[in-house]
Amino acid sequence: MKICNPLFRADMPDPDIIRVGNDFYMVSTTMYYMPAAPILKSRDLQHWQIVSYVCRNIADNDIYHLKNGRHAYGKGQWATSLMQYKGRFYACFVCHDMGKTYLFSTDDIENSDWNRVELEAVYHDMSFLCWEDKVYLVYGNGEIRIVELKEDFSGVVEGSDRLLLATPGDGLRLRCEGCRAYVKDGRIYLLFIDWPDDTPEKKGKRREVCYRLSGLSGEYERKTILYDDMWIPGCGIAQGAIFDDADGNWYAVMFQDSGAVGRVPFLMPVEWKDGWPVLGTDGKVPESFEVPFEKKGTEEIVQSDSFDHKENILKNVWQWNHSPNNDAWSFTKHPGFLRLENQKPVQDLFEAENTLTQRTRAPYSEFVVRLDCDGMKDGDFAGLCVLVEKYGQIGVRQREGMRNLVLKYRDGERAPFEVVCREGILGLKSWYSLKEKTVPLKTDTVWLKVIFSFGCWGKGTEPETARFFYSTNGNDFYTLGDELPLFYSLSLFVGARIGIFSYNEENTVGGYADFCEFIYRDTDSSGMILS
């Protein structure tokens, strides 16, 4: 079977992968979207399906319920390490906002909500390492440390945390981090990313480096094992996992910053030469290559949804923005519809609870949903949104018993990097202005559409945009407002997402919005789009 890169056309960063028999399992980062730490399964390495989540919520507090100005944007579940050890599965990730590391375990990787242990320390970008019948976490940025886990995985061994090795810093804008640790043929291999500075001769880009150790003494050899940006100049493909199949063939999955759609993984062959893993083909990530598997189709990672469900259980492709209020959403109160109740009044999308999201896919993603407005009250605002730093919303707002179609969006020059890092996503409210366009609505039902265009994959050769449309009959769509520019930002640290939102803007408990017929397309459904 032929593998075609990129492996996903969607945001799936920080991958770790293990094999169980003929099955491959991947974990990825979704930050503050809940449930956390998606587990994906594949049998052919090209087709992957989300089968479970490591945990439903990280914490029941103001941070994860968007209360009192607290939030986890740009933080949350980060760079999970995954392993199978003595028949049990383990996952570990850090939450910088909580100042903790979370260690999970289960007997069944395809069931969600694993057993949890909280470690009262931040083991940044850690990886499990199994060495001489002990299990360790290798972690850090630049200064790489190691700490031993207790035999029953109930915590760390007191006094075991120490410096393992110090990686170079001169000439680098980013020292080594993003560890993945392996043992092969009696040696330890630690894989990291780093990022060389620009020079007059060459633009620096992220690369994958390997440290080879014969033990835990700290003595090592170092080698760059991938330094390629493939089709986006300056955006190196790096950080991820290496693994084998049942026949002993080796592979790697590494990701690339790919513009507004997010960080996109690439699959490549790995060959062991002179005791080193050599990634790619002749030092390059191939556009395609053959793997010894038959095609095994799976569900897609972005999907349509009728919302006609008998229980209040979401498909695995959906995640909430932060932890949900489970008393304020339902499939069963109005069968065939997703009902969002407005129990927490807010005035800004990024402060609203129960925004339901999915990834977008490059180069084109189109989403349509039908909104029934019968249950809306004054102050309610509900519809579809584009979750990026400069967000946009198209929906229905009710005031004084009258309804309008509204396009609401952040406007202004993109916030500089230093402002983003200092202010964070909620602080940027003072940087951007809010603009609106409105159209009177005389019906109780409206169809809303958002189209994402990622044609340049972040190369900068053409704009990446979202466009907004509405219809009162489900067939004839009209544009509302101008294109919304899209870009990736560290204020969120994830790719652009589609969202379904509903909240009350007038500081009161509102009514509810009913949604159905959520449709996703990856090609232009065209027909005529009227302006």
Protein backbone atom coordinates (compact mmCIF):
# COMPACT_ATOMS: atom_id res chain seq x y z
CA MET A 1 0.00 0.00 0.00
CA LYS A 2 1.21 3.51 -0.76
CA ILE A 3 1.51 6.07 2.04
CA CYS A 4 0.97 9.67 0.95
CA ASN A 5 2.24 12.55 3.06
CA PRO A 6 1.24 14.43 5.08
CA LEU A 7 -0.21 11.62 7.12
CA PHE A 8 -3.04 13.83 8.39
CA ARG A 9 -4.16 17.05 6.79
CA ALA A 10 -5.09 18.24 10.29
CA ASP A 11 -3.65 19.31 13.62
CA MET A 12 -2.15 16.25 15.34
CA PRO A 13 1.03 17.40 17.13
CA ASP A 14 3.47 15.75 19.55
CA PRO A 15 2.73 12.18 18.46
CA ASP A 16 3.83 9.15 20.41
CA ILE A 17 3.15 5.72 18.92
CA ILE A 18 3.27 2.16 20.18
CA ARG A 19 2.50 -1.15 18.49
CA VAL A 20 0.44 -3.94 20.04
CA GLY A 21 0.59 -6.99 17.76
CA ASN A 22 -0.55 -5.69 14.38
CA ASP A 23 -2.28 -2.63 15.81
CA PHE A 24 -0.70 0.81 16.08
CA TYR A 25 -1.80 3.35 18.69
CA MET A 26 -1.01 7.06 18.63
CA VAL A 27 -1.52 9.76 21.25
CA SER A 28 -1.49 13.47 20.44
CA THR A 29 -1.80 16.88 22.08
CA THR A 30 -5.08 18.80 22.23
CA MET A 31 -4.20 21.17 25.08
CA TYR A 32 -7.36 22.61 26.71
CA TYR A 33 -9.87 20.75 24.56
CA MET A 34 -11.74 18.10 26.54
CA PRO A 35 -11.75 15.12 26.74
CA ALA A 36 -7.95 15.12 26.81
CA ALA A 37 -5.20 13.07 25.15
CA PRO A 38 -6.88 11.34 22.18
CA ILE A 39 -5.85 7.77 21.40
CA LEU A 40 -5.92 6.87 17.70
CA LYS A 41 -5.71 3.39 16.20
CA SER A 42 -4.49 2.15 12.81
CA ARG A 43 -3.68 -1.15 11.15
CA ASP A 44 -2.10 0.25 7.98
CA LEU A 45 -0.39 3.49 9.19
CA GLN A 46 -2.34 5.65 6.71
CA HIS A 47 -5.83 5.46 8.17
CA TRP A 48 -6.34 6.40 11.82
CA GLN A 49 -9.43 6.56 14.00
CA ILE A 50 -9.91 8.18 17.42
CA VAL A 51 -10.90 5.27 19.67
CA SER A 52 -10.64 6.74 23.16
CA TYR A 53 -9.32 9.51 25.41
CA VAL A 54 -6.99 9.17 28.34
CA CYS A 55 -9.16 11.41 30.54
CA ARG A 56 -12.46 13.29 30.34
CA ASN A 57 -11.33 16.24 32.44
CA ILE A 58 -8.05 17.43 33.88
CA ALA A 59 -9.38 19.33 36.88
CA ASP A 60 -12.69 20.53 38.29
CA ASN A 61 -11.64 24.11 38.90
CA ASP A 62 -11.95 27.67 37.58
CA ILE A 63 -9.18 27.11 35.02
CA TYR A 64 -10.92 24.28 33.21
CA HIS A 65 -14.45 25.69 33.60
CA LEU A 66 -13.51 29.16 32.31
CA LYS A 67 -14.54 30.91 35.52
CA ASN A 68 -13.33 34.12 37.17
CA GLY A 69 -11.04 35.01 34.27
CA ARG A 70 -9.09 31.74 34.52
CA HIS A 71 -8.36 29.49 31.53
CA ALA A 72 -5.91 26.98 30.08
CA TYR A 73 -5.48 28.49 26.59
CA GLY A 74 -2.04 27.67 25.26
CA LYS A 75 -1.57 25.14 28.05
CA GLY A 76 -3.42 22.06 29.27
CA GLN A 77 -2.50 18.51 28.22
CA TRP A 78 0.93 18.65 26.64
CA ALA A 79 3.12 16.15 24.74
CA THR A 80 1.87 12.86 26.17
CA SER A 81 4.21 9.86 26.38
CA LEU A 82 2.64 6.44 25.78
CA MET A 83 3.89 2.95 26.58
CA GLN A 84 2.83 -0.63 27.20
CA TYR A 85 4.66 -2.19 30.14
CA LYS A 86 4.08 -5.68 31.54
CA GLY A 87 0.70 -5.89 29.85
CA ARG A 88 -0.62 -2.54 31.07
CA PHE A 89 -0.83 0.78 29.20
CA TYR A 90 0.58 4.00 30.62
CA ALA A 91 0.32 7.63 29.52
CA CYS A 92 1.95 10.67 31.06
CA PHE A 93 1.61 14.38 30.35
CA VAL A 94 2.35 17.69 32.01
CA CYS A 95 -0.02 20.60 32.64
CA HIS A 96 1.94 23.80 33.16
CA ASP A 97 -1.21 25.66 34.23
CA MET A 98 -1.67 23.17 37.08
CA GLY A 99 2.01 22.83 37.94
CA LYS A 100 1.61 19.05 37.83
CA THR A 101 2.40 15.94 35.84
CA TYR A 102 -0.33 13.36 35.37
CA LEU A 103 0.37 9.64 35.15
CA PHE A 104 -2.41 7.38 33.83
CA SER A 105 -2.80 3.63 33.40
CA THR A 106 -5.32 1.14 32.02
CA ASP A 107 -5.70 -2.47 30.94
CA ASP A 108 -7.75 -1.43 27.88
CA ILE A 109 -6.30 1.31 25.69
CA GLU A 110 -9.53 1.61 23.71
CA ASN A 111 -11.60 2.62 26.74
CA SER A 112 -11.51 6.18 28.04
CA ASP A 113 -10.97 7.48 31.57
CA TRP A 114 -7.80 5.76 32.75
CA ASN A 115 -6.67 5.47 36.37
CA ARG A 116 -4.79 8.60 37.44
CA VAL A 117 -1.86 9.54 39.68
CA GLU A 118 -0.92 13.20 40.14
CA LEU A 119 2.76 14.05 40.48
CA GLU A 120 3.40 17.35 42.25
CA ALA A 121 6.09 18.52 39.84
CA VAL A 122 6.42 19.62 36.21
CA TYR A 123 8.33 17.02 34.16
CA HIS A 124 8.33 19.00 30.92
CA ASP A 125 8.08 17.03 27.63
CA MET A 126 8.82 13.79 29.41
CA SER A 127 9.23 10.31 27.95
CA PHE A 128 9.01 6.92 29.59
CA LEU A 129 12.31 5.02 29.61
CA CYS A 130 12.46 1.34 30.61
CA TRP A 131 16.00 0.39 31.56
CA GLU A 132 17.32 -2.53 33.59
CA ASP A 133 13.90 -3.41 35.07
CA LYS A 134 13.19 0.14 36.18
CA VAL A 135 10.98 2.81 34.62
CA TYR A 136 12.06 6.43 34.43
CA LEU A 137 10.84 9.76 33.08
CA VAL A 138 13.37 11.62 30.96
CA TYR A 139 12.40 15.28 30.69
CA GLY A 140 13.47 18.88 30.32
CA ASN A 141 14.56 21.59 27.92
CA GLY A 142 18.29 21.84 27.33
CA GLU A 143 19.11 20.48 30.75
CA ILE A 144 17.81 16.92 30.40
CA ARG A 145 16.91 15.29 33.67
CA ILE A 146 15.80 11.82 34.74
CA VAL A 147 13.61 10.66 37.61
CA GLU A 148 12.72 7.10 38.61
CA LEU A 149 9.11 5.97 39.00
CA LYS A 150 8.07 3.75 41.86
CA GLU A 151 7.55 0.12 40.98
CA ASP A 152 3.77 0.41 41.47
CA PHE A 153 3.66 3.72 39.51
CA SER A 154 2.20 5.52 42.52
CA GLY A 155 4.78 8.31 42.29
CA VAL A 156 8.47 9.02 41.88
CA VAL A 157 11.31 7.57 43.93
CA GLU A 158 12.36 10.21 46.42
CA GLY A 159 15.82 11.61 45.73
CA SER A 160 16.08 10.01 42.27
CA ASP A 161 15.65 13.22 40.22
CA ARG A 162 18.97 14.27 38.71
CA LEU A 163 20.62 15.81 35.68
CA LEU A 164 21.24 13.22 32.97
CA LEU A 165 22.95 15.39 30.35
CA ALA A 166 23.22 19.02 29.25
CA THR A 167 22.60 19.72 25.58
CA PRO A 168 24.31 22.52 23.62
CA GLY A 169 22.87 26.03 23.69
CA ASP A 170 25.21 28.09 21.51
CA GLY A 171 23.81 28.87 18.08
CA LEU A 172 20.35 27.57 18.98
CA ARG A 173 17.07 29.41 19.41
CA LEU A 174 15.64 26.26 21.04
CA ARG A 175 17.63 23.72 23.01
CA CYS A 176 16.67 20.06 23.03
CA GLU A 177 13.16 19.14 24.19
CA GLY A 178 10.28 16.89 23.17
CA CYS A 179 11.98 13.71 24.35
CA ARG A 180 11.17 10.23 23.09
CA ALA A 181 13.26 7.47 24.70
CA TYR A 182 13.98 3.97 23.34
CA VAL A 183 16.13 0.99 24.16
CA LYS A 184 17.54 -1.13 21.31
CA ASP A 185 20.38 -3.63 21.24
CA GLY A 186 21.53 -2.69 24.71
CA ARG A 187 21.68 1.06 24.05
CA ILE A 188 19.49 4.00 25.05
CA TYR A 189 18.34 6.38 22.32
CA LEU A 190 16.93 9.78 23.28
CA LEU A 191 15.29 11.70 20.43
CA PHE A 192 14.73 15.47 20.70
CA ILE A 193 14.00 18.52 18.62
CA ASP A 194 16.21 21.58 18.62
CA TRP A 195 16.26 24.69 16.45
CA PRO A 196 19.43 26.31 15.11
CA ASP A 197 19.65 30.08 14.78
CA ASP A 198 19.50 31.72 11.38
CA THR A 199 22.86 32.43 9.78
CA PRO A 200 23.77 34.62 6.79
CA GLU A 201 24.08 31.46 4.72
CA LYS A 202 21.09 29.49 6.00
CA LYS A 203 17.73 29.92 7.69
CA GLY A 204 17.49 27.80 10.81
CA LYS A 205 14.71 25.26 11.06
CA ARG A 206 13.67 22.65 13.60
CA ARG A 207 15.48 19.34 13.35
CA GLU A 208 15.46 15.94 15.01
CA VAL A 209 18.57 14.95 16.95
CA CYS A 210 19.47 11.68 18.67
CA TYR A 211 21.57 11.05 21.77
CA ARG A 212 22.96 7.53 22.09
CA LEU A 213 23.94 6.25 25.54
CA SER A 214 25.28 2.94 26.78
CA GLY A 215 23.89 3.59 30.28
CA LEU A 216 22.68 6.28 32.63
CA SER A 217 26.09 7.72 33.39
CA GLY A 218 25.45 10.74 31.16
CA GLU A 219 28.13 9.88 28.58
CA TYR A 220 26.66 10.10 25.10
CA GLU A 221 27.13 10.44 21.35
CA ARG A 222 24.98 12.88 19.37
CA LYS A 223 23.76 12.90 15.78
CA THR A 224 21.28 14.88 13.69
CA ILE A 225 18.88 12.32 12.22
CA LEU A 226 16.48 14.56 10.24
CA TYR A 227 16.92 18.10 8.93
CA ASP A 228 14.27 18.64 6.27
CA ASP A 229 11.46 21.13 5.68
CA MET A 230 10.01 19.36 2.62
CA TRP A 231 7.41 21.75 1.16
CA ILE A 232 7.31 24.62 3.69
CA PRO A 233 10.69 26.39 3.73
CA GLY A 234 11.99 27.08 7.22
CA CYS A 235 9.49 24.78 8.95
CA GLY A 236 11.47 21.70 9.84
CA ILE A 237 9.70 18.37 10.22
CA ALA A 238 10.60 17.12 13.69
CA GLN A 239 9.37 15.90 17.10
CA GLY A 240 7.64 12.57 17.26
CA ALA A 241 8.13 8.86 17.60
CA ILE A 242 9.93 5.93 16.00
CA PHE A 243 8.48 2.41 16.09
CA ASP A 244 8.52 -0.92 14.29
CA ASP A 245 5.95 -3.21 12.71
CA ALA A 246 5.51 -6.92 13.38
CA ASP A 247 8.02 -7.76 10.61
CA GLY A 248 10.79 -5.56 11.99
CA ASN A 249 10.41 -2.61 9.61
CA TRP A 250 10.89 0.75 11.29
CA TYR A 251 9.04 4.02 10.82
CA ALA A 252 8.86 7.54 12.24
CA VAL A 253 6.05 10.05 12.59
CA MET A 254 7.18 13.67 12.95
CA PHE A 255 5.16 16.87 12.63
CA GLN A 256 5.55 20.15 10.78
CA ASP A 257 4.15 23.62 11.55
CA SER A 258 1.76 23.99 8.62
CA GLY A 259 0.06 27.35 8.99
CA ALA A 260 -3.40 27.92 10.39
CA VAL A 261 -4.52 24.29 10.10
CA GLY A 262 -1.96 23.43 12.77
CA ARG A 263 0.91 21.01 13.24
CA VAL A 264 0.62 18.19 10.74
CA PRO A 265 2.31 14.75 11.01
CA PHE A 266 4.38 13.01 8.33
CA LEU A 267 5.19 9.30 8.16
CA MET A 268 8.58 8.13 6.90
CA PRO A 269 10.69 4.99 6.80
CA VAL A 270 13.52 4.51 9.26
CA GLU A 271 16.67 2.51 8.60
CA TRP A 272 19.19 1.57 11.27
CA LYS A 273 22.78 2.22 10.10
CA ASP A 274 25.85 1.79 12.28
CA GLY A 275 23.65 1.73 15.35
CA TRP A 276 21.77 4.96 14.51
CA PRO A 277 18.19 5.51 13.34
CA VAL A 278 18.23 7.24 9.93
CA LEU A 279 14.93 8.95 9.20
CA GLY A 280 13.42 9.47 5.76
CA THR A 281 14.81 8.60 2.35
CA ASP A 282 18.26 10.00 1.61
CA GLY A 283 17.77 12.47 4.43
CA LYS A 284 14.42 13.70 3.10
CA VAL A 285 10.81 13.09 4.07
CA PRO A 286 9.24 11.30 1.08
CA GLU A 287 6.03 12.53 -0.52
CA SER A 288 4.99 8.88 -0.76
CA PHE A 289 6.38 5.39 -0.17
CA GLU A 290 5.21 1.80 0.06
CA VAL A 291 4.38 -0.04 3.28
CA PRO A 292 3.72 -3.80 3.57
CA PHE A 293 0.07 -3.48 4.65
CA GLU A 294 -3.31 -3.89 3.07
CA LYS A 295 -5.61 -0.88 3.29
CA LYS A 296 -7.72 -0.89 6.45
CA GLY A 297 -10.24 1.92 6.28
CA THR A 298 -11.38 3.67 9.45
CA GLU A 299 -13.69 6.45 10.50
CA GLU A 300 -12.35 9.91 9.66
CA ILE A 301 -10.98 12.26 12.32
CA VAL A 302 -13.33 15.01 11.08
CA GLN A 303 -16.95 13.96 10.54
CA SER A 304 -20.51 15.02 9.89
CA ASP A 305 -23.04 14.37 12.66
CA SER A 306 -26.83 14.23 12.53
CA PHE A 307 -26.99 14.73 16.33
CA ASP A 308 -29.69 12.07 16.33
CA HIS A 309 -28.35 10.12 19.31
CA LYS A 310 -30.26 8.15 21.94
CA GLU A 311 -27.79 8.98 24.75
CA ASN A 312 -25.84 12.05 25.76
CA ILE A 313 -22.60 10.62 24.40
CA LEU A 314 -20.49 12.48 21.84
CA LYS A 315 -18.72 10.93 18.91
CA ASN A 316 -14.99 10.74 19.58
CA VAL A 317 -14.25 13.38 16.93
CA TRP A 318 -15.84 16.08 19.12
CA GLN A 319 -14.14 17.95 21.95
CA TRP A 320 -15.35 20.76 24.18
CA ASN A 321 -13.45 24.00 24.58
CA HIS A 322 -12.36 23.39 28.19
CA SER A 323 -14.44 21.18 30.49
CA PRO A 324 -18.16 21.06 29.73
CA ASN A 325 -21.11 21.87 31.95
CA ASN A 326 -22.88 18.55 31.48
CA ASP A 327 -26.13 19.96 32.86
CA ALA A 328 -26.30 22.44 29.97
CA TRP A 329 -26.17 20.23 26.87
CA SER A 330 -28.23 17.31 25.65
CA PHE A 331 -29.19 15.09 22.73
CA THR A 332 -32.21 13.70 24.57
CA LYS A 333 -34.19 16.83 25.55
CA HIS A 334 -35.02 17.40 21.87
CA PRO A 335 -34.36 14.11 20.06
CA GLY A 336 -32.46 14.58 16.82
CA PHE A 337 -30.85 17.82 18.02
CA LEU A 338 -27.90 19.02 20.06
CA ARG A 339 -29.33 21.38 22.65
CA LEU A 340 -27.05 23.98 24.24
CA GLU A 341 -28.54 25.79 27.24
CA ASN A 342 -27.27 29.23 28.21
CA GLN A 343 -26.70 28.88 31.95
CA LYS A 344 -23.51 30.96 32.21
CA PRO A 345 -23.75 34.51 30.80
CA VAL A 346 -20.59 35.87 29.15
CA GLN A 347 -19.79 38.46 26.50
CA ASP A 348 -16.83 36.85 24.74
CA LEU A 349 -16.51 33.58 22.82
CA PHE A 350 -13.31 32.58 24.62
CA GLU A 351 -15.09 32.79 27.98
CA ALA A 352 -18.13 30.74 26.94
CA GLU A 353 -18.68 27.23 28.23
CA ASN A 354 -19.88 24.29 26.12
CA THR A 355 -18.45 25.37 22.78
CA LEU A 356 -18.30 22.08 20.88
CA THR A 357 -15.40 21.73 18.43
CA GLN A 358 -13.79 19.65 15.71
CA ARG A 359 -10.53 19.95 13.83
CA THR A 360 -10.33 21.42 10.36
CA ARG A 361 -8.49 19.78 7.46
CA ALA A 362 -6.33 21.32 4.75
CA PRO A 363 -6.60 22.45 2.08
CA TYR A 364 -10.39 22.92 2.31
CA SER A 365 -13.01 22.37 5.00
CA GLU A 366 -16.68 23.24 4.74
CA PHE A 367 -19.11 23.01 7.65
CA VAL A 368 -22.88 23.53 7.67
CA VAL A 369 -25.33 23.29 10.56
CA ARG A 370 -29.03 23.98 10.97
CA LEU A 371 -30.03 26.16 13.94
CA ASP A 372 -33.54 26.22 15.37
CA CYS A 373 -34.17 29.38 17.38
CA ASP A 374 -37.50 28.66 19.10
CA GLY A 375 -35.91 28.37 22.55
CA MET A 376 -33.78 31.51 22.42
CA LYS A 377 -34.33 34.38 24.85
CA ASP A 378 -33.17 37.98 24.87
CA GLY A 379 -29.38 38.19 25.05
CA ASP A 380 -28.82 34.76 23.54
CA PHE A 381 -26.27 34.41 20.73
CA ALA A 382 -25.78 31.02 19.03
CA GLY A 383 -24.20 29.62 15.87
CA LEU A 384 -20.91 28.52 14.30
CA CYS A 385 -17.52 29.94 15.17
CA VAL A 386 -13.94 29.87 13.91
CA LEU A 387 -11.65 29.23 16.87
CA VAL A 388 -8.44 31.12 16.18
CA GLU A 389 -6.77 34.09 17.87
CA LYS A 390 -8.69 36.51 15.63
CA TYR A 391 -11.92 34.55 15.92
CA GLY A 392 -15.13 34.90 13.96
CA GLN A 393 -18.73 33.92 14.70
CA ILE A 394 -21.83 33.68 12.55
CA GLY A 395 -25.10 33.13 14.32
CA VAL A 396 -28.41 34.39 15.60
CA ARG A 397 -28.75 36.99 18.35
CA GLN A 398 -32.03 37.83 20.07
CA ARG A 399 -32.65 41.24 21.64
CA GLU A 400 -35.98 42.72 22.72
CA GLY A 401 -37.78 39.82 21.13
CA MET A 402 -36.21 40.45 17.70
CA ARG A 403 -33.64 38.24 16.00
CA ASN A 404 -30.76 39.16 13.72
CA LEU A 405 -28.15 37.19 11.86
CA VAL A 406 -24.82 38.43 13.19
CA LEU A 407 -21.23 38.14 12.04
CA LYS A 408 -18.96 39.02 14.97
CA TYR A 409 -15.18 38.99 14.64
CA ARG A 410 -11.94 40.28 16.04
CA ASP A 411 -10.37 42.98 13.89
CA GLY A 412 -6.99 44.70 13.79
CA GLU A 413 -3.36 44.04 13.00
CA ARG A 414 -2.03 40.72 14.21
CA ALA A 415 -0.67 40.95 17.74
CA PRO A 416 3.15 40.75 17.90
CA PHE A 417 4.79 37.68 19.40
CA GLU A 418 5.87 39.48 22.57
CA VAL A 419 2.31 40.75 23.17
CA VAL A 420 0.86 37.29 22.61
CA CYS A 421 3.27 35.73 25.08
CA ARG A 422 2.70 38.46 27.66
CA GLU A 423 -1.07 38.87 27.41
CA GLY A 424 -2.40 35.44 26.40
CA ILE A 425 -5.68 34.90 24.62
CA LEU A 426 -7.97 36.76 27.03
CA GLY A 427 -5.54 39.65 27.43
CA LEU A 428 -5.65 40.16 23.68
CA LYS A 429 -9.20 41.53 24.01
CA SER A 430 -7.58 44.93 24.52
CA TRP A 431 -5.42 44.50 21.39
CA TYR A 432 -8.17 43.61 18.92
CA SER A 433 -11.42 45.47 18.35
CA LEU A 434 -14.73 43.65 17.84
CA LYS A 435 -16.69 44.30 14.67
CA GLU A 436 -20.17 43.17 13.70
CA LYS A 437 -22.37 42.90 10.62
CA THR A 438 -26.07 42.16 11.01
CA VAL A 439 -29.01 41.08 8.85
CA PRO A 440 -32.63 40.92 10.13
CA LEU A 441 -33.97 37.36 10.50
CA LYS A 442 -37.66 36.63 10.11
CA THR A 443 -37.58 32.83 10.35
CA ASP A 444 -37.19 30.46 13.30
CA THR A 445 -34.73 28.23 11.42
CA VAL A 446 -31.48 29.15 9.68
CA TRP A 447 -28.60 27.24 8.10
CA LEU A 448 -25.09 28.49 8.82
CA LYS A 449 -21.96 27.69 6.83
CA VAL A 450 -18.26 28.30 7.34
CA ILE A 451 -15.62 27.52 4.71
CA PHE A 452 -11.93 27.25 5.66
CA SER A 453 -9.32 27.66 2.91
CA PHE A 454 -5.76 26.51 3.69
CA GLY A 455 -4.51 26.27 0.12
CA CYS A 456 -0.99 27.50 0.84
CA TRP A 457 -0.46 25.34 3.96
CA GLY A 458 1.18 28.28 5.74
CA LYS A 459 3.73 28.96 3.00
CA GLY A 460 2.64 32.60 2.86
CA THR A 461 2.04 32.45 -0.88
CA GLU A 462 -1.68 33.17 -0.50
CA PRO A 463 -4.03 34.05 2.38
CA GLU A 464 -5.53 31.40 4.62
CA THR A 465 -9.11 32.41 5.31
CA ALA A 466 -12.55 31.55 6.67
CA ARG A 467 -15.75 32.72 4.99
CA PHE A 468 -19.23 32.92 6.48
CA PHE A 469 -22.62 32.16 4.90
CA TYR A 470 -26.27 31.78 5.85
CA SER A 471 -29.44 30.38 4.29
CA THR A 472 -33.12 30.41 5.23
CA ASN A 473 -33.98 27.35 3.11
CA GLY A 474 -30.86 25.17 3.30
CA ASN A 475 -30.11 25.58 -0.42
CA ASP A 476 -29.41 29.21 -1.31
CA PHE A 477 -26.51 30.58 0.73
CA TYR A 478 -25.57 34.21 1.08
CA THR A 479 -22.23 35.59 2.24
CA LEU A 480 -22.07 37.70 5.37
CA GLY A 481 -19.07 39.98 5.78
CA ASP A 482 -15.55 39.67 4.43
CA GLU A 483 -13.04 36.84 4.66
CA LEU A 484 -11.51 36.28 8.08
CA PRO A 485 -7.70 35.91 7.95
CA LEU A 486 -6.41 32.76 9.65
CA PHE A 487 -3.05 32.19 11.28
CA TYR A 488 -1.49 29.91 13.89
CA SER A 489 -0.69 31.53 17.23
CA LEU A 490 0.95 30.47 20.47
CA SER A 491 -1.91 32.14 22.36
CA LEU A 492 -3.92 29.00 21.55
CA PHE A 493 -1.14 26.60 20.45
CA VAL A 494 -3.53 24.53 18.31
CA GLY A 495 -4.79 24.69 14.75
CA ALA A 496 -7.96 26.44 13.60
CA ARG A 497 -11.16 24.68 14.68
CA ILE A 498 -14.83 24.86 13.87
CA GLY A 499 -17.09 25.33 16.87
CA ILE A 500 -20.77 25.30 17.75
CA PHE A 501 -21.52 27.92 20.41
CA SER A 502 -24.40 29.33 22.41
CA TYR A 503 -24.30 31.79 25.30
CA ASN A 504 -26.11 34.84 26.69
CA GLU A 505 -24.47 38.26 26.33
CA GLU A 506 -26.77 40.22 28.66
CA ASN A 507 -25.64 38.93 32.04
CA THR A 508 -28.63 36.70 32.57
CA VAL A 509 -29.49 33.04 32.29
CA GLY A 510 -30.84 32.66 28.79
CA GLY A 511 -32.75 30.09 26.80
CA TYR A 512 -31.36 27.41 24.54
CA ALA A 513 -30.34 26.74 20.95
CA ASP A 514 -31.06 23.52 19.03
CA PHE A 515 -28.66 22.32 16.32
CA CYS A 516 -28.98 19.46 13.83
CA GLU A 517 -27.64 18.24 10.50
CA PHE A 518 -24.00 19.13 11.07
CA ILE A 519 -22.30 18.48 7.72
CA TYR A 520 -18.59 18.39 6.90
CA ARG A 521 -17.18 18.38 3.37
CA ASP A 522 -13.58 18.46 2.20
CA THR A 523 -14.47 19.60 -1.32
CA ASP A 524 -16.52 22.55 -2.54
CA SER A 525 -20.19 21.61 -2.48
CA SER A 526 -20.69 24.61 -4.64
CA GLY A 527 -23.89 25.15 -6.19
CA MET A 528 -24.20 28.83 -6.30
CA ILE A 529 -23.01 30.88 -3.35
CA LEU A 530 -24.82 34.21 -3.53
CA SER A 531 -23.34 37.47 -2.32
